[in-house]
């Protein structure tokens, strides 16, 4: 099944995401977005073929392609905005396993399409699908002027991060921290080691061979970072950083070789920013209460949005937020780019490590009230948003119910959130509580209720 949402389209490379399919999407996108369109990919197997197919669709529809090569997803957004391009397409399945691929689409503002734009675009794709792909309307062979190569898009991205007033390059250079960088053999390999070295870090590279496939699970979650944890200790490093394949998310390992959890990425980065400039902060509904604690500490408002990067971005623009993001390790800093960006997150955390006390990742994390977060994915034969809501209402009759995105139920000391994923055929269930046992109990109760109500596992 091809999964379509505000996060773009995703599916199995051997199934739904074929060159013919992505060619259609490229053509429909160019037809609605005339002009120069940036195209990049995250290095996963088969992505080069899909990149060529997307480019063919764009050219057939009368557009021109700016080929930025293997880059992180946020780099495409940076290029679109800085060069005033008509839009951008990133070939990636982000945190999905290597057998998946997909497309993310950027508007001329350098941000993802919003829900209304996505709906109109998908309607256009479906209408265009009535035309045989081997005889596209208005098709023409690519000419020399239809494709141009941008050789150092990553350099522009790095320069923007280093120029941020919240990134203290002189302090980092003076501290010269030793950091292990795990890039899962994907697009982060072209930017994160380079950025950290230019920032003044000593970098130990882990999994930066883009020809070797993913050596671990694509998501930078605790269970996938065991080798990074071992390497941090073996190399006597002050920290370990890990990203997902398209490098829009960052996870952190402390100096003891302990993966502290993705939720801390946004929290630590936000503290660095708020210490320098106070203002509104934004996070999605599944992000930790640590953001609420920060808002109280710095006396600033915090806003919550539905899941989806563009939803966070829209609210940030509306309220003039100084920082925002998602609890999956996605940091959005308007000074650099209005999108999740592991390079920005890495630079902010390196700055936090290098300025003042305590100077360790564990110390930075200890400044926050500790909450235990439990995240699970549930595959079901048949499930609907309404079924999830019904199940959650039945299972948790007390607490404050929020239906902004799926069903979230909150109490003063804990919360549980269940929703259909926009990127995988799964239900995501996330809970947070003071004690891990309590968070696990909430998740198990929610999964049991959803399975009973929505139909067998």
Protein backbone atom coordinates (compact mmCIF):
# COMPACT_ATOMS: atom_id res chain seq x y z
CA UNK A 1 0.00 0.00 0.00
CA UNK A 2 1.29 3.46 -0.94
CA UNK A 3 1.09 5.62 2.18
CA UNK A 4 0.21 9.27 1.50
CA UNK A 5 0.17 12.06 4.08
CA UNK A 6 1.54 15.53 4.81
CA UNK A 7 4.89 13.73 5.09
CA UNK A 8 4.72 12.83 1.38
CA UNK A 9 4.44 9.32 -0.05
CA UNK A 10 6.12 6.09 1.05
CA UNK A 11 5.99 2.42 0.22
CA UNK A 12 8.05 -0.65 -0.60
CA UNK A 13 10.60 -0.17 -3.37
CA UNK A 14 9.81 -3.65 -4.66
CA UNK A 15 6.10 -2.90 -4.56
CA UNK A 16 4.44 0.49 -4.63
CA UNK A 17 7.32 2.95 -5.13
CA UNK A 18 8.39 2.22 -8.71
CA UNK A 19 10.07 4.48 -11.29
CA UNK A 20 6.75 4.79 -13.15
CA UNK A 21 4.94 5.86 -9.99
CA UNK A 22 7.48 8.48 -8.92
CA UNK A 23 7.68 9.77 -12.50
CA UNK A 24 3.96 10.50 -12.31
CA UNK A 25 4.42 12.33 -9.02
CA UNK A 26 7.35 14.31 -10.39
CA UNK A 27 5.33 15.34 -13.43
CA UNK A 28 2.25 16.32 -11.43
CA UNK A 29 4.40 18.32 -9.02
CA UNK A 30 6.14 20.22 -11.82
CA UNK A 31 2.85 20.91 -13.55
CA UNK A 32 1.63 22.67 -10.41
CA UNK A 33 5.04 24.16 -9.58
CA UNK A 34 6.54 25.54 -12.80
CA UNK A 35 10.21 26.50 -12.74
CA UNK A 36 13.41 25.09 -11.25
CA UNK A 37 12.91 22.21 -8.81
CA UNK A 38 15.63 20.85 -6.50
CA UNK A 39 15.91 17.05 -6.41
CA UNK A 40 17.96 15.08 -3.87
CA UNK A 41 18.10 11.57 -2.39
CA UNK A 42 19.27 9.93 0.83
CA UNK A 43 21.61 7.23 -0.67
CA UNK A 44 19.38 4.22 0.04
CA UNK A 45 19.47 1.43 -2.55
CA UNK A 46 17.50 2.24 -5.69
CA UNK A 47 17.20 5.92 -4.86
CA UNK A 48 19.36 6.95 -7.81
CA UNK A 49 16.96 5.24 -10.22
CA UNK A 50 13.99 6.94 -8.57
CA UNK A 51 15.79 10.29 -8.71
CA UNK A 52 16.20 9.92 -12.46
CA UNK A 53 12.54 8.96 -12.81
CA UNK A 54 11.38 11.98 -10.79
CA UNK A 55 13.63 14.21 -12.91
CA UNK A 56 12.14 12.76 -16.09
CA UNK A 57 8.64 13.50 -14.87
CA UNK A 58 9.58 17.07 -13.98
CA UNK A 59 11.17 17.69 -17.38
CA UNK A 60 8.28 16.10 -19.28
CA UNK A 61 5.93 18.51 -17.51
CA UNK A 62 8.04 21.50 -18.57
CA UNK A 63 10.09 21.99 -15.42
CA UNK A 64 13.84 22.14 -14.89
CA UNK A 65 15.83 20.06 -12.41
CA UNK A 66 18.45 21.28 -9.95
CA UNK A 67 20.27 18.06 -9.00
CA UNK A 68 21.70 18.43 -5.49
CA UNK A 69 22.84 14.78 -5.24
CA UNK A 70 22.94 12.86 -1.95
CA UNK A 71 21.91 15.32 0.77
CA UNK A 72 19.84 15.42 3.94
CA UNK A 73 16.19 16.31 3.58
CA UNK A 74 16.64 19.72 5.28
CA UNK A 75 19.35 20.64 2.76
CA UNK A 76 16.77 20.49 -0.03
CA UNK A 77 14.62 22.97 1.89
CA UNK A 78 17.63 25.25 2.45
CA UNK A 79 18.49 25.24 -1.27
CA UNK A 80 14.90 25.91 -2.37
CA UNK A 81 14.59 28.96 -0.14
CA UNK A 82 18.08 30.41 -0.63
CA UNK A 83 17.95 30.12 -4.43
CA UNK A 84 14.27 31.06 -4.79
CA UNK A 85 13.44 27.81 -6.59
CA UNK A 86 9.92 26.76 -7.47
CA UNK A 87 10.03 23.77 -5.13
CA UNK A 88 11.90 20.63 -4.16
CA UNK A 89 11.60 16.84 -4.12
CA UNK A 90 13.52 14.57 -1.76
CA UNK A 91 13.70 10.85 -2.53
CA UNK A 92 13.66 9.22 0.90
CA UNK A 93 11.64 7.06 3.25
CA UNK A 94 13.18 8.89 6.21
CA UNK A 95 13.20 6.58 9.25
CA UNK A 96 11.53 3.65 7.45
CA UNK A 97 13.59 0.48 6.86
CA UNK A 98 15.84 0.20 3.80
CA UNK A 99 13.31 -1.72 1.72
CA UNK A 100 11.08 1.39 1.72
CA UNK A 101 11.44 4.56 -0.29
CA UNK A 102 9.31 7.59 -1.00
CA UNK A 103 9.08 11.28 -1.82
CA UNK A 104 8.90 14.46 0.24
CA UNK A 105 7.77 17.67 -1.44
CA UNK A 106 8.82 21.26 -0.68
CA UNK A 107 6.94 24.41 -1.62
CA UNK A 108 8.77 27.47 -2.92
CA UNK A 109 9.07 28.62 0.71
CA UNK A 110 11.44 25.72 1.40
CA UNK A 111 8.99 23.93 3.71
CA UNK A 112 6.81 20.85 3.21
CA UNK A 113 3.43 21.21 1.53
CA UNK A 114 0.65 21.86 4.02
CA UNK A 115 -2.44 19.66 4.28
CA UNK A 116 -4.48 21.67 1.75
CA UNK A 117 -1.60 21.80 -0.74
CA UNK A 118 -1.02 18.07 -0.31
CA UNK A 119 -4.70 17.29 -0.92
CA UNK A 120 -4.75 19.32 -4.15
CA UNK A 121 -1.47 17.79 -5.28
CA UNK A 122 -2.61 14.21 -4.68
CA UNK A 123 -5.81 14.93 -6.59
CA UNK A 124 -3.70 16.14 -9.51
CA UNK A 125 -1.55 12.99 -9.35
CA UNK A 126 -4.63 10.78 -9.37
CA UNK A 127 -6.06 12.64 -12.35
CA UNK A 128 -2.77 12.41 -14.24
CA UNK A 129 -2.70 8.69 -13.53
CA UNK A 130 -5.34 8.24 -16.20
CA UNK A 131 -2.70 9.04 -18.84
CA UNK A 132 -0.43 6.08 -19.75
CA UNK A 133 3.00 6.69 -18.27
CA UNK A 134 4.81 5.71 -21.47
CA UNK A 135 3.09 8.50 -23.43
CA UNK A 136 2.93 11.48 -21.05
CA UNK A 137 1.12 14.54 -22.30
CA UNK A 138 3.62 17.12 -23.56
CA UNK A 139 6.56 14.77 -23.14
CA UNK A 140 9.94 15.88 -24.44
CA UNK A 141 13.50 14.61 -24.22
CA UNK A 142 15.71 16.38 -21.67
CA UNK A 143 18.04 19.01 -23.06
CA UNK A 144 21.27 20.46 -21.73
CA UNK A 145 19.40 23.30 -20.03
CA UNK A 146 16.88 21.03 -18.28
CA UNK A 147 19.22 19.71 -15.58
CA UNK A 148 21.93 21.54 -13.71
CA UNK A 149 24.10 20.20 -10.93
CA UNK A 150 24.56 22.02 -7.61
CA UNK A 151 27.82 20.59 -6.31
CA UNK A 152 27.97 21.94 -2.75
CA UNK A 153 24.46 22.38 -1.44
CA UNK A 154 25.69 20.87 1.82
CA UNK A 155 28.28 23.66 2.12
CA UNK A 156 25.51 26.26 2.06
CA UNK A 157 23.65 24.35 4.75
CA UNK A 158 26.75 24.10 6.96
CA UNK A 159 27.44 27.81 6.59
CA UNK A 160 23.89 28.66 7.70
CA UNK A 161 24.21 26.49 10.83
CA UNK A 162 27.59 27.97 11.77
CA UNK A 163 26.24 31.51 11.29
CA UNK A 164 23.41 31.01 13.79
CA UNK A 165 23.77 33.29 16.85
CA UNK A 166 22.89 30.30 19.04
CA UNK A 167 25.86 28.24 17.83
CA UNK A 168 28.99 29.13 19.80
CA UNK A 169 31.76 27.99 17.45
CA UNK A 170 34.54 29.66 19.46
CA UNK A 171 33.52 27.86 22.66
CA UNK A 172 33.23 24.52 20.87
CA UNK A 173 36.61 24.99 19.19
CA UNK A 174 38.22 25.82 22.53
CA UNK A 175 36.71 22.76 24.19
CA UNK A 176 37.49 20.57 21.13
CA UNK A 177 35.05 17.82 22.23
CA UNK A 178 35.52 14.30 20.93
CA UNK A 179 32.23 13.12 19.42
CA UNK A 180 31.30 9.84 17.74
CA UNK A 181 28.99 10.42 14.76
CA UNK A 182 26.75 7.53 13.59
CA UNK A 183 25.24 8.36 10.18
CA UNK A 184 23.65 4.93 9.41
CA UNK A 185 25.65 4.91 6.11
CA UNK A 186 23.25 7.45 4.62
CA UNK A 187 22.82 11.15 3.84
CA UNK A 188 24.03 12.40 7.22
CA UNK A 189 27.48 11.18 6.18
CA UNK A 190 27.90 14.14 3.82
CA UNK A 191 27.11 16.83 6.39
CA UNK A 192 27.42 15.87 10.05
CA UNK A 193 31.12 14.91 10.26
CA UNK A 194 31.96 17.98 8.15
CA UNK A 195 29.85 20.32 10.26
CA UNK A 196 31.23 19.05 13.55
CA UNK A 197 34.83 19.36 12.33
CA UNK A 198 34.25 22.91 11.08
CA UNK A 199 32.67 23.67 14.44
CA UNK A 200 35.88 22.56 16.18
CA UNK A 201 35.07 19.02 17.30
CA UNK A 202 37.24 15.93 17.03
CA UNK A 203 35.04 13.48 15.14
CA UNK A 204 35.08 9.70 15.22
CA UNK A 205 33.03 8.47 12.26
CA UNK A 206 30.74 5.46 12.61
CA UNK A 207 28.69 4.13 9.70
CA UNK A 208 29.53 6.76 7.09
CA UNK A 209 30.03 4.45 4.09
CA UNK A 210 27.10 5.27 1.84
CA UNK A 211 27.76 2.27 -0.42
CA UNK A 212 27.24 -0.32 2.32
CA UNK A 213 23.53 -0.19 3.24
CA UNK A 214 22.05 0.44 6.65
CA UNK A 215 24.02 -1.38 9.39
CA UNK A 216 21.32 -0.88 12.04
CA UNK A 217 17.65 0.01 12.31
CA UNK A 218 16.94 3.22 10.44
CA UNK A 219 15.38 5.05 13.38
CA UNK A 220 17.94 6.46 15.85
CA UNK A 221 16.16 4.89 18.80
CA UNK A 222 17.83 3.39 21.87
CA UNK A 223 17.57 -0.22 20.70
CA UNK A 224 19.43 0.63 17.48
CA UNK A 225 22.35 2.51 19.04
CA UNK A 226 24.21 -0.26 20.88
CA UNK A 227 27.33 0.01 18.70
CA UNK A 228 27.37 3.78 19.09
CA UNK A 229 27.15 3.39 22.87
CA UNK A 230 30.09 0.96 22.86
CA UNK A 231 32.14 3.21 20.58
CA UNK A 232 31.63 6.29 22.76
CA UNK A 233 33.11 4.44 25.73
CA UNK A 234 35.91 2.82 23.70
CA UNK A 235 36.92 6.17 22.16
CA UNK A 236 36.65 8.08 25.46
CA UNK A 237 34.28 10.51 23.71
CA UNK A 238 32.15 13.13 25.44
CA UNK A 239 29.11 12.24 23.35
CA UNK A 240 27.70 10.19 20.52
CA UNK A 241 25.29 11.54 17.92
CA UNK A 242 23.11 9.45 15.60
CA UNK A 243 20.74 10.40 12.80
CA UNK A 244 18.18 8.69 10.60
CA UNK A 245 18.83 8.06 6.86
CA UNK A 246 17.69 11.48 5.64
CA UNK A 247 19.30 13.24 8.62
CA UNK A 248 16.40 15.29 9.88
CA UNK A 249 16.46 13.64 13.34
CA UNK A 250 19.23 13.38 15.94
CA UNK A 251 19.64 11.14 18.97
CA UNK A 252 22.31 11.53 21.65
CA UNK A 253 24.46 9.12 23.69
CA UNK A 254 26.09 10.45 26.83
CA UNK A 255 29.73 10.16 27.94
CA UNK A 256 28.99 6.92 29.82
CA UNK A 257 27.70 5.24 26.66
CA UNK A 258 24.04 5.60 27.61
CA UNK A 259 21.48 6.50 24.95
CA UNK A 260 19.48 9.17 26.75
CA UNK A 261 16.45 9.03 24.43
CA UNK A 262 15.36 11.14 21.48
CA UNK A 263 13.12 13.32 23.64
CA UNK A 264 16.18 14.98 25.16
CA UNK A 265 17.43 16.25 21.79
CA UNK A 266 14.79 18.94 21.44
CA UNK A 267 14.77 19.71 25.16
CA UNK A 268 18.54 20.30 25.40
CA UNK A 269 18.65 22.28 22.14
CA UNK A 270 15.71 24.42 23.29
CA UNK A 271 17.42 25.26 26.57
CA UNK A 272 20.50 26.47 24.63
CA UNK A 273 18.31 28.77 22.54
CA UNK A 274 16.10 30.03 25.38
CA UNK A 275 19.12 31.00 27.46
CA UNK A 276 20.07 33.39 24.65
CA UNK A 277 16.64 34.51 23.44
CA UNK A 278 13.26 34.05 25.08
CA UNK A 279 10.17 33.49 23.02
CA UNK A 280 7.41 31.00 22.24
CA UNK A 281 8.27 27.33 21.71
CA UNK A 282 6.28 24.75 19.75
CA UNK A 283 6.13 20.94 19.87
CA UNK A 284 3.77 18.26 18.67
CA UNK A 285 1.35 16.41 20.90
CA UNK A 286 3.61 13.40 21.44
CA UNK A 287 6.59 15.42 22.64
CA UNK A 288 7.72 15.21 26.27
CA UNK A 289 6.49 17.38 29.14
CA UNK A 290 10.06 18.64 29.32
CA UNK A 291 8.96 21.33 26.85
CA UNK A 292 6.26 22.45 29.29
CA UNK A 293 8.84 22.52 32.07
CA UNK A 294 11.12 24.68 29.92
CA UNK A 295 8.26 27.05 29.15
CA UNK A 296 7.59 27.45 32.87
CA UNK A 297 11.27 27.91 33.72
CA UNK A 298 11.86 30.60 31.09
CA UNK A 299 8.35 32.10 31.39
CA UNK A 300 7.47 31.63 27.73
CA UNK A 301 4.39 30.11 26.08
CA UNK A 302 4.43 26.58 24.67
CA UNK A 303 2.12 25.48 21.87
CA UNK A 304 1.15 21.93 20.86
CA UNK A 305 0.28 20.77 17.34
CA UNK A 306 -0.82 17.61 15.53
CA UNK A 307 1.97 15.25 14.44
CA UNK A 308 3.70 16.24 11.22
CA UNK A 309 6.59 18.61 10.65
CA UNK A 310 4.55 21.09 8.60
CA UNK A 311 2.02 21.40 11.43
CA UNK A 312 4.79 22.40 13.84
CA UNK A 313 6.27 24.79 11.26
CA UNK A 314 2.91 26.49 10.63
CA UNK A 315 2.38 27.13 14.33
CA UNK A 316 5.95 28.37 14.73
CA UNK A 317 5.40 30.86 11.95
CA UNK A 318 2.06 31.92 13.43
CA UNK A 319 3.41 32.63 16.94
CA UNK A 320 6.96 33.70 16.07
CA UNK A 321 8.57 30.78 17.91
CA UNK A 322 12.30 30.87 18.65
CA UNK A 323 12.57 27.08 18.42
CA UNK A 324 10.33 24.08 17.98
CA UNK A 325 10.25 20.50 16.85
CA UNK A 326 9.21 16.97 17.65
CA UNK A 327 10.17 14.53 20.37
CA UNK A 328 11.61 12.08 17.84
CA UNK A 329 14.86 14.07 17.76
CA UNK A 330 13.63 16.69 15.28
CA UNK A 331 14.82 20.25 16.01
CA UNK A 332 13.52 23.24 14.04
CA UNK A 333 15.46 26.51 14.37
CA UNK A 334 14.00 29.37 12.28
CA UNK A 335 17.41 31.10 12.09
CA UNK A 336 18.66 28.19 9.94
CA UNK A 337 15.72 26.46 8.27
CA UNK A 338 12.03 25.92 8.96
CA UNK A 339 12.34 22.15 9.08
CA UNK A 340 13.71 19.40 11.30
CA UNK A 341 17.48 19.34 10.99
CA UNK A 342 19.99 17.01 12.66
CA UNK A 343 22.88 19.34 11.75
CA UNK A 344 21.28 22.22 13.64
CA UNK A 345 20.53 19.93 16.58
CA UNK A 346 24.12 18.66 16.68
CA UNK A 347 25.57 22.19 16.61
CA UNK A 348 23.26 23.41 19.39
CA UNK A 349 24.04 20.46 21.65
CA UNK A 350 27.79 20.76 20.99
CA UNK A 351 27.47 24.44 21.97
CA UNK A 352 25.61 23.48 25.14
CA UNK A 353 28.34 20.99 26.03
CA UNK A 354 31.06 23.60 25.53
CA UNK A 355 29.62 26.61 27.36
CA UNK A 356 29.64 26.59 31.16
CA UNK A 357 28.80 23.77 33.53
CA UNK A 358 28.28 20.84 33.66
CA UNK A 359 29.95 20.16 30.31
CA UNK A 360 28.63 16.61 29.94
CA UNK A 361 25.59 15.18 28.19
CA UNK A 362 24.47 13.44 31.37
CA UNK A 363 24.73 16.78 33.17
CA UNK A 364 22.69 18.56 30.51
CA UNK A 365 20.03 15.85 30.73
CA UNK A 366 20.02 15.97 34.55
CA UNK A 367 18.77 19.56 34.44
CA UNK A 368 15.36 18.24 33.39
CA UNK A 369 12.76 16.44 35.45
CA UNK A 370 13.04 12.84 34.35
CA UNK A 371 10.05 11.30 32.62
CA UNK A 372 9.92 7.78 31.30
CA UNK A 373 8.74 7.61 27.72
CA UNK A 374 7.56 4.39 26.07
CA UNK A 375 6.92 4.23 22.31
CA UNK A 376 5.38 1.25 20.51
CA UNK A 377 4.11 0.48 17.02
CA UNK A 378 1.08 -1.74 16.53
CA UNK A 379 0.26 -3.43 13.21
CA UNK A 380 -3.40 -4.28 12.65
CA UNK A 381 -5.31 -5.85 9.78
CA UNK A 382 -7.94 -3.13 9.95
CA UNK A 383 -7.95 0.08 11.93
CA UNK A 384 -9.48 3.54 11.63
CA UNK A 385 -9.05 6.83 13.42
CA UNK A 386 -12.57 6.42 14.80
CA UNK A 387 -11.73 2.94 16.07
CA UNK A 388 -8.69 4.26 17.90
CA UNK A 389 -10.73 7.03 19.53
CA UNK A 390 -13.46 4.57 20.57
CA UNK A 391 -10.90 2.19 22.08
CA UNK A 392 -9.08 4.93 23.98
CA UNK A 393 -12.30 6.40 25.35
CA UNK A 394 -13.39 2.98 26.59
CA UNK A 395 -10.03 2.15 28.16
CA UNK A 396 -9.37 5.47 29.86
CA UNK A 397 -12.58 6.97 31.19
CA UNK A 398 -10.81 9.55 33.34
CA UNK A 399 -8.26 12.14 32.35
CA UNK A 400 -8.40 14.99 29.84
CA UNK A 401 -9.20 13.82 26.32
CA UNK A 402 -7.70 15.63 23.31
CA UNK A 403 -8.75 14.59 19.79
CA UNK A 404 -6.49 16.98 17.90
CA UNK A 405 -4.54 14.06 16.44
CA UNK A 406 -5.82 10.59 17.19
CA UNK A 407 -6.61 10.35 20.90
CA UNK A 408 -4.46 11.74 23.71
CA UNK A 409 -5.49 11.40 27.34
CA UNK A 410 -3.60 13.33 30.00
CA UNK A 411 -3.49 13.36 33.78
CA UNK A 412 -1.38 15.67 35.98
CA UNK A 413 1.46 13.14 36.17
CA UNK A 414 1.22 11.12 32.91
CA UNK A 415 -0.28 10.88 29.41
CA UNK A 416 -1.04 8.35 26.67
CA UNK A 417 -1.37 9.11 22.94
CA UNK A 418 -2.49 6.77 20.14
CA UNK A 419 -2.76 7.69 16.47
CA UNK A 420 -2.47 6.26 12.98
CA UNK A 421 0.99 6.79 11.51
CA UNK A 422 1.31 8.93 8.40
CA UNK A 423 4.49 7.16 7.31
CA UNK A 424 3.91 3.46 8.08
CA UNK A 425 0.86 1.13 8.12
CA UNK A 426 0.86 1.11 11.92
CA UNK A 427 -0.74 2.67 14.98
CA UNK A 428 1.75 4.59 17.11
CA UNK A 429 1.21 4.45 20.86
CA UNK A 430 3.27 6.71 23.11
CA UNK A 431 3.06 7.21 26.87
CA UNK A 432 5.00 9.28 29.36
CA UNK A 433 5.00 9.05 33.14
CA UNK A 434 7.29 9.60 36.11
CA UNK A 435 7.90 5.84 36.38
CA UNK A 436 8.68 3.51 33.48
CA UNK A 437 6.33 0.85 34.84
CA UNK A 438 3.45 3.33 34.72
CA UNK A 439 4.27 4.35 31.14
CA UNK A 440 4.51 0.70 30.08
CA UNK A 441 1.20 -0.04 31.78
CA UNK A 442 -0.53 2.75 29.86
CA UNK A 443 0.87 1.51 26.55
CA UNK A 444 -0.11 -2.10 27.19
CA UNK A 445 -3.63 -1.08 28.19
CA UNK A 446 -3.99 1.10 25.07
CA UNK A 447 -2.70 -1.63 22.75
CA UNK A 448 -5.06 -4.19 24.28
CA UNK A 449 -8.03 -1.86 23.89
CA UNK A 450 -7.21 -0.87 20.30
CA UNK A 451 -6.66 -4.51 19.29
CA UNK A 452 -10.05 -5.51 20.74
CA UNK A 453 -11.91 -2.60 19.21
CA UNK A 454 -10.19 -2.15 15.86
CA UNK A 455 -9.76 -5.81 14.90
CA UNK A 456 -7.09 -8.49 15.30
CA UNK A 457 -3.37 -8.08 15.38
